[in-house]
């Protein structure tokens, strides 16, 4: 299993120096099976399942001439 931190980035200045603070918001998990899950710390009982996006095929309407 692979684990990735889900973070938000805050840019601020301290003593005239630009700084960046990374705040952890959750975890992205990739299981050995390839399934991908996302969980946020502020929603501890909710686990999101991620799927590859498959664009919908546009329906073609043929008009009689």
PDB file of N, CA and C in Angstrom:
ATOM      1  N   UNK A   1       0.850  -1.176   0.000  1.00  0.00           N
ATOM      2  CA  UNK A   1       0.000   0.000   0.000  1.00  0.00           C
ATOM      3  C   UNK A   1       0.893   1.236   0.000  1.00  0.00           C
ATOM      4  N   UNK A   2       0.479   2.236  -0.780  1.00  0.00           N
ATOM      5  CA  UNK A   2       1.174   3.519  -0.795  1.00  0.00           C
ATOM      6  C   UNK A   2       0.294   4.550  -0.105  1.00  0.00           C
ATOM      7  N   UNK A   3       0.903   5.433   0.650  1.00  0.00           N
ATOM      8  CA  UNK A   3       0.186   6.509   1.332  1.00  0.00           C
ATOM      9  C   UNK A   3       0.765   7.849   0.901  1.00  0.00           C
ATOM     10  N   UNK A   4      -0.125   8.807   0.618  1.00  0.00           N
ATOM     11  CA  UNK A   4       0.277  10.158   0.242  1.00  0.00           C
ATOM     12  C   UNK A   4      -0.441  11.145   1.141  1.00  0.00           C
ATOM     13  N   UNK A   5       0.260  12.145   1.613  1.00  0.00           N
ATOM     14  CA  UNK A   5      -0.371  13.212   2.390  1.00  0.00           C
ATOM     15  C   UNK A   5      -1.138  14.130   1.448  1.00  0.00           C
ATOM     16  N   UNK A   6      -2.337  14.512   1.846  1.00  0.00           N
ATOM     17  CA  UNK A   6      -3.122  15.521   1.130  1.00  0.00           C
ATOM     18  C   UNK A   6      -2.953  16.807   1.926  1.00  0.00           C
ATOM     19  N   UNK A   7      -2.379  17.827   1.299  1.00  0.00           N
ATOM     20  CA  UNK A   7      -2.032  19.052   2.021  1.00  0.00           C
ATOM     21  C   UNK A   7      -2.548  20.291   1.308  1.00  0.00           C
ATOM     22  N   UNK A   8      -2.745  21.332   2.089  1.00  0.00           N
ATOM     23  CA  UNK A   8      -3.011  22.650   1.519  1.00  0.00           C
ATOM     24  C   UNK A   8      -1.776  23.508   1.785  1.00  0.00           C
ATOM     25  N   UNK A   9      -1.564  24.471   0.907  1.00  0.00           N
ATOM     26  CA  UNK A   9      -0.363  25.300   0.967  1.00  0.00           C
ATOM     27  C   UNK A   9      -0.742  26.711   1.403  1.00  0.00           C
ATOM     28  N   UNK A  10      -0.044  27.216   2.405  1.00  0.00           N
ATOM     29  CA  UNK A  10      -0.255  28.593   2.859  1.00  0.00           C
ATOM     30  C   UNK A  10       1.062  29.346   2.707  1.00  0.00           C
ATOM     31  N   UNK A  11       1.019  30.420   1.922  1.00  0.00           N
ATOM     32  CA  UNK A  11       2.201  31.259   1.720  1.00  0.00           C
ATOM     33  C   UNK A  11       2.048  32.494   2.600  1.00  0.00           C
ATOM     34  N   UNK A  12       3.105  32.817   3.343  1.00  0.00           N
ATOM     35  CA  UNK A  12       3.060  33.984   4.223  1.00  0.00           C
ATOM     36  C   UNK A  12       4.456  34.594   4.321  1.00  0.00           C
ATOM     37  N   UNK A  13       4.515  35.759   4.910  1.00  0.00           N
ATOM     38  CA  UNK A  13       5.801  36.422   5.118  1.00  0.00           C
ATOM     39  C   UNK A  13       6.094  36.545   6.600  1.00  0.00           C
ATOM     40  N   UNK A  14       7.351  36.304   6.951  1.00  0.00           N
ATOM     41  CA  UNK A  14       7.793  36.457   8.335  1.00  0.00           C
ATOM     42  C   UNK A  14       9.146  37.152   8.292  1.00  0.00           C
ATOM     43  N   UNK A  15       9.212  38.298   8.954  1.00  0.00           N
ATOM     44  CA  UNK A  15      10.438  39.104   8.974  1.00  0.00           C
ATOM     45  C   UNK A  15      10.925  39.415   7.557  1.00  0.00           C
ATOM     46  N   UNK A  16       9.970  39.683   6.649  1.00  0.00           N
ATOM     47  CA  UNK A  16      10.315  40.027   5.276  1.00  0.00           C
ATOM     48  C   UNK A  16      10.694  38.850   4.402  1.00  0.00           C
ATOM     49  N   UNK A  17      10.646  37.654   4.950  1.00  0.00           N
ATOM     50  CA  UNK A  17      11.010  36.457   4.193  1.00  0.00           C
ATOM     51  C   UNK A  17       9.749  35.672   3.830  1.00  0.00           C
ATOM     52  N   UNK A  18       9.663  35.245   2.573  1.00  0.00           N
ATOM     53  CA  UNK A  18       8.523  34.462   2.103  1.00  0.00           C
ATOM     54  C   UNK A  18       8.664  33.029   2.619  1.00  0.00           C
ATOM     55  N   UNK A  19       7.603  32.544   3.243  1.00  0.00           N
ATOM     56  CA  UNK A  19       7.623  31.190   3.798  1.00  0.00           C
ATOM     57  C   UNK A  19       6.396  30.434   3.314  1.00  0.00           C
ATOM     58  N   UNK A  20       6.496  29.125   3.362  1.00  0.00           N
ATOM     59  CA  UNK A  20       5.387  28.250   2.976  1.00  0.00           C
ATOM     60  C   UNK A  20       5.121  27.282   4.117  1.00  0.00           C
ATOM     61  N   UNK A  21       3.852  27.136   4.452  1.00  0.00           N
ATOM     62  CA  UNK A  21       3.452  26.171   5.472  1.00  0.00           C
ATOM     63  C   UNK A  21       2.519  25.159   4.811  1.00  0.00           C
ATOM     64  N   UNK A  22       2.817  23.882   4.978  1.00  0.00           N
ATOM     65  CA  UNK A  22       1.984  22.805   4.447  1.00  0.00           C
ATOM     66  C   UNK A  22       1.128  22.263   5.582  1.00  0.00           C
ATOM     67  N   UNK A  23      -0.180  22.270   5.380  1.00  0.00           N
ATOM     68  CA  UNK A  23      -1.106  21.783   6.402  1.00  0.00           C
ATOM     69  C   UNK A  23      -1.763  20.495   5.911  1.00  0.00           C
ATOM     70  N   UNK A  24      -1.588  19.421   6.673  1.00  0.00           N
ATOM     71  CA  UNK A  24      -2.158  18.133   6.285  1.00  0.00           C
ATOM     72  C   UNK A  24      -3.672  18.163   6.416  1.00  0.00           C
ATOM     73  N   UNK A  25      -4.347  17.748   5.342  1.00  0.00           N
ATOM     74  CA  UNK A  25      -5.809  17.715   5.325  1.00  0.00           C
ATOM     75  C   UNK A  25      -6.340  16.289   5.292  1.00  0.00           C
ATOM     76  N   UNK A  26      -5.493  15.330   4.890  1.00  0.00           N
ATOM     77  CA  UNK A  26      -5.968  13.952   4.810  1.00  0.00           C
ATOM     78  C   UNK A  26      -4.923  13.036   4.210  1.00  0.00           C
ATOM     79  N   UNK A  27      -5.406  11.870   3.747  1.00  0.00           N
ATOM     80  CA  UNK A  27      -4.532  10.855   3.162  1.00  0.00           C
ATOM     81  C   UNK A  27      -5.122  10.315   1.869  1.00  0.00           C
ATOM     82  N   UNK A  28      -4.249  10.037   0.911  1.00  0.00           N
ATOM     83  CA  UNK A  28      -4.609   9.320  -0.299  1.00  0.00           C
ATOM     84  C   UNK A  28      -3.938   7.962  -0.186  1.00  0.00           C
ATOM     85  N   UNK A  29      -4.722   6.901  -0.343  1.00  0.00           N
ATOM     86  CA  UNK A  29      -4.181   5.548  -0.212  1.00  0.00           C
ATOM     87  C   UNK A  29      -4.328   4.823  -1.538  1.00  0.00           C
ATOM     88  N   UNK A  30      -3.260   4.167  -1.980  1.00  0.00           N
ATOM     89  CA  UNK A  30      -3.326   3.298  -3.148  1.00  0.00           C
ATOM     90  C   UNK A  30      -3.044   1.889  -2.650  1.00  0.00           C
ATOM     91  N   UNK A  31      -4.071   1.045  -2.716  1.00  0.00           N
ATOM     92  CA  UNK A  31      -3.954  -0.328  -2.227  1.00  0.00           C
ATOM     93  C   UNK A  31      -3.130  -1.159  -3.211  1.00  0.00           C
ATOM     94  N   UNK A  32      -2.632  -2.285  -2.740  1.00  0.00           N
ATOM     95  CA  UNK A  32      -1.873  -3.189  -3.599  1.00  0.00           C
ATOM     96  C   UNK A  32      -2.712  -3.657  -4.787  1.00  0.00           C
ATOM     97  N   UNK A  33      -4.027  -3.648  -4.636  1.00  0.00           N
ATOM     98  CA  UNK A  33      -4.939  -4.047  -5.714  1.00  0.00           C
ATOM     99  C   UNK A  33      -5.085  -2.953  -6.771  1.00  0.00           C
ATOM    100  N   UNK A  34      -4.573  -1.738  -6.480  1.00  0.00           N
ATOM    101  CA  UNK A  34      -4.681  -0.621  -7.408  1.00  0.00           C
ATOM    102  C   UNK A  34      -5.831   0.316  -7.090  1.00  0.00           C
ATOM    103  N   UNK A  35      -6.687  -0.062  -6.145  1.00  0.00           N
ATOM    104  CA  UNK A  35      -7.803   0.803  -5.762  1.00  0.00           C
ATOM    105  C   UNK A  35      -7.264   2.027  -5.034  1.00  0.00           C
ATOM    106  N   UNK A  36      -7.936   3.170  -5.264  1.00  0.00           N
ATOM    107  CA  UNK A  36      -7.478   4.434  -4.687  1.00  0.00           C
ATOM    108  C   UNK A  36      -8.550   4.984  -3.757  1.00  0.00           C
ATOM    109  N   UNK A  37      -8.132   5.405  -2.573  1.00  0.00           N
ATOM    110  CA  UNK A  37      -9.041   5.926  -1.551  1.00  0.00           C
ATOM    111  C   UNK A  37      -8.529   7.275  -1.062  1.00  0.00           C
ATOM    112  N   UNK A  38      -9.468   8.141  -0.687  1.00  0.00           N
ATOM    113  CA  UNK A  38      -9.127   9.458  -0.169  1.00  0.00           C
ATOM    114  C   UNK A  38      -9.909   9.678   1.110  1.00  0.00           C
ATOM    115  N   UNK A  39      -9.232  10.120   2.150  1.00  0.00           N
ATOM    116  CA  UNK A  39      -9.926  10.446   3.398  1.00  0.00           C
ATOM    117  C   UNK A  39      -9.399  11.784   3.910  1.00  0.00           C
ATOM    118  N   UNK A  40     -10.327  12.566   4.482  1.00  0.00           N
ATOM    119  CA  UNK A  40      -9.988  13.860   5.057  1.00  0.00           C
ATOM    120  C   UNK A  40     -10.104  13.773   6.572  1.00  0.00           C
ATOM    121  N   UNK A  41      -9.183  14.417   7.273  1.00  0.00           N
ATOM    122  CA  UNK A  41      -9.179  14.353   8.732  1.00  0.00           C
ATOM    123  C   UNK A  41     -10.428  14.976   9.346  1.00  0.00           C
ATOM    124  N   UNK A  42     -11.021  15.983   8.687  1.00  0.00           N
ATOM    125  CA  UNK A  42     -12.210  16.633   9.250  1.00  0.00           C
ATOM    126  C   UNK A  42     -13.482  15.816   9.002  1.00  0.00           C
ATOM    127  N   UNK A  43     -13.387  14.731   8.219  1.00  0.00           N
ATOM    128  CA  UNK A  43     -14.506  13.805   7.994  1.00  0.00           C
ATOM    129  C   UNK A  43     -14.002  12.386   8.265  1.00  0.00           C
ATOM    130  N   UNK A  44     -13.747  12.045   9.518  1.00  0.00           N
ATOM    131  CA  UNK A  44     -13.070  10.786   9.837  1.00  0.00           C
ATOM    132  C   UNK A  44     -13.846   9.523   9.467  1.00  0.00           C
ATOM    133  N   UNK A  45     -15.155   9.592   9.345  1.00  0.00           N
ATOM    134  CA  UNK A  45     -15.941   8.390   9.050  1.00  0.00           C
ATOM    135  C   UNK A  45     -16.306   8.263   7.578  1.00  0.00           C
ATOM    136  N   UNK A  46     -15.695   9.093   6.719  1.00  0.00           N
ATOM    137  CA  UNK A  46     -16.007   9.066   5.290  1.00  0.00           C
ATOM    138  C   UNK A  46     -14.743   8.711   4.516  1.00  0.00           C
ATOM    139  N   UNK A  47     -14.845   7.689   3.665  1.00  0.00           N
ATOM    140  CA  UNK A  47     -13.727   7.325   2.802  1.00  0.00           C
ATOM    141  C   UNK A  47     -14.208   7.408   1.361  1.00  0.00           C
ATOM    142  N   UNK A  48     -13.515   8.188   0.552  1.00  0.00           N
ATOM    143  CA  UNK A  48     -13.882   8.374  -0.845  1.00  0.00           C
ATOM    144  C   UNK A  48     -13.134   7.359  -1.696  1.00  0.00           C
ATOM    145  N   UNK A  49     -13.813   6.820  -2.690  1.00  0.00           N
ATOM    146  CA  UNK A  49     -13.214   5.888  -3.639  1.00  0.00           C
ATOM    147  C   UNK A  49     -12.992   6.655  -4.939  1.00  0.00           C
ATOM    148  N   UNK A  50     -11.803   6.563  -5.504  1.00  0.00           N
ATOM    149  CA  UNK A  50     -11.480   7.302  -6.720  1.00  0.00           C
ATOM    150  C   UNK A  50     -11.443   6.355  -7.908  1.00  0.00           C
ATOM    151  N   UNK A  51     -12.023   6.817  -9.017  1.00  0.00           N
ATOM    152  CA  UNK A  51     -12.079   6.036 -10.240  1.00  0.00           C
ATOM    153  C   UNK A  51     -11.563   6.894 -11.389  1.00  0.00           C
ATOM    154  N   UNK A  52     -10.962   6.241 -12.376  1.00  0.00           N
ATOM    155  CA  UNK A  52     -10.479   6.960 -13.547  1.00  0.00           C
ATOM    156  C   UNK A  52     -11.658   7.584 -14.284  1.00  0.00           C
ATOM    157  N   UNK A  53     -11.483   8.816 -14.720  1.00  0.00           N
ATOM    158  CA  UNK A  53     -12.551   9.538 -15.424  1.00  0.00           C
ATOM    159  C   UNK A  53     -12.720   8.960 -16.822  1.00  0.00           C
ATOM    160  N   UNK A  54     -13.943   8.609 -17.156  1.00  0.00           N
ATOM    161  CA  UNK A  54     -14.259   8.133 -18.496  1.00  0.00           C
ATOM    162  C   UNK A  54     -15.258   9.105 -19.103  1.00  0.00           C
ATOM    163  N   UNK A  55     -14.820   9.905 -20.081  1.00  0.00           N
ATOM    164  CA  UNK A  55     -15.737  10.875 -20.678  1.00  0.00           C
ATOM    165  C   UNK A  55     -16.918  10.169 -21.339  1.00  0.00           C
ATOM    166  N   UNK A  56     -18.077  10.785 -21.200  1.00  0.00           N
ATOM    167  CA  UNK A  56     -19.267  10.221 -21.828  1.00  0.00           C
ATOM    168  C   UNK A  56     -19.199  10.484 -23.323  1.00  0.00           C
ATOM    169  N   UNK A  57     -19.638   9.488 -24.078  1.00  0.00           N
ATOM    170  CA  UNK A  57     -19.692   9.664 -25.525  1.00  0.00           C
ATOM    171  C   UNK A  57     -20.888  10.546 -25.855  1.00  0.00           C
ATOM    172  N   UNK A  58     -20.646  11.497 -26.731  1.00  0.00           N
ATOM    173  CA  UNK A  58     -21.742  12.374 -27.125  1.00  0.00           C
ATOM    174  C   UNK A  58     -22.678  11.623 -28.060  1.00  0.00           C
ATOM    175  N   UNK A  59     -23.952  11.790 -27.811  1.00  0.00           N
ATOM    176  CA  UNK A  59     -24.949  11.143 -28.650  1.00  0.00           C
ATOM    177  C   UNK A  59     -25.087  11.940 -29.943  1.00  0.00           C
ATOM    178  N   UNK A  60     -25.013  11.237 -31.061  1.00  0.00           N
ATOM    179  CA  UNK A  60     -25.126  11.885 -32.360  1.00  0.00           C
ATOM    180  C   UNK A  60     -26.559  11.732 -32.844  1.00  0.00           C
ATOM    181  N   UNK A  61     -27.182  12.843 -33.161  1.00  0.00           N
ATOM    182  CA  UNK A  61     -28.553  12.825 -33.667  1.00  0.00           C
ATOM    183  C   UNK A  61     -28.497  13.104 -35.161  1.00  0.00           C
ATOM    184  N   UNK A  62     -29.039  12.174 -35.934  1.00  0.00           N
ATOM    185  CA  UNK A  62     -29.052  12.368 -37.380  1.00  0.00           C
ATOM    186  C   UNK A  62     -30.398  12.927 -37.796  1.00  0.00           C
ATOM    187  N   UNK A  63     -30.349  13.967 -38.581  1.00  0.00           N
ATOM    188  CA  UNK A  63     -31.563  14.599 -39.072  1.00  0.00           C
ATOM    189  C   UNK A  63     -31.853  14.110 -40.484  1.00  0.00           C
ATOM    190  N   UNK A  64     -33.113  13.824 -40.761  1.00  0.00           N
ATOM    191  CA  UNK A  64     -33.503  13.435 -42.116  1.00  0.00           C
ATOM    192  C   UNK A  64     -33.479  14.663 -43.000  1.00  0.00           C
ATOM    193  N   UNK A  65     -32.913  14.504 -44.189  1.00  0.00           N
ATOM    194  CA  UNK A  65     -32.861  15.643 -45.108  1.00  0.00           C
ATOM    195  C   UNK A  65     -33.986  15.584 -46.090  1.00  0.00           C
TER     196      UNK A  65
END
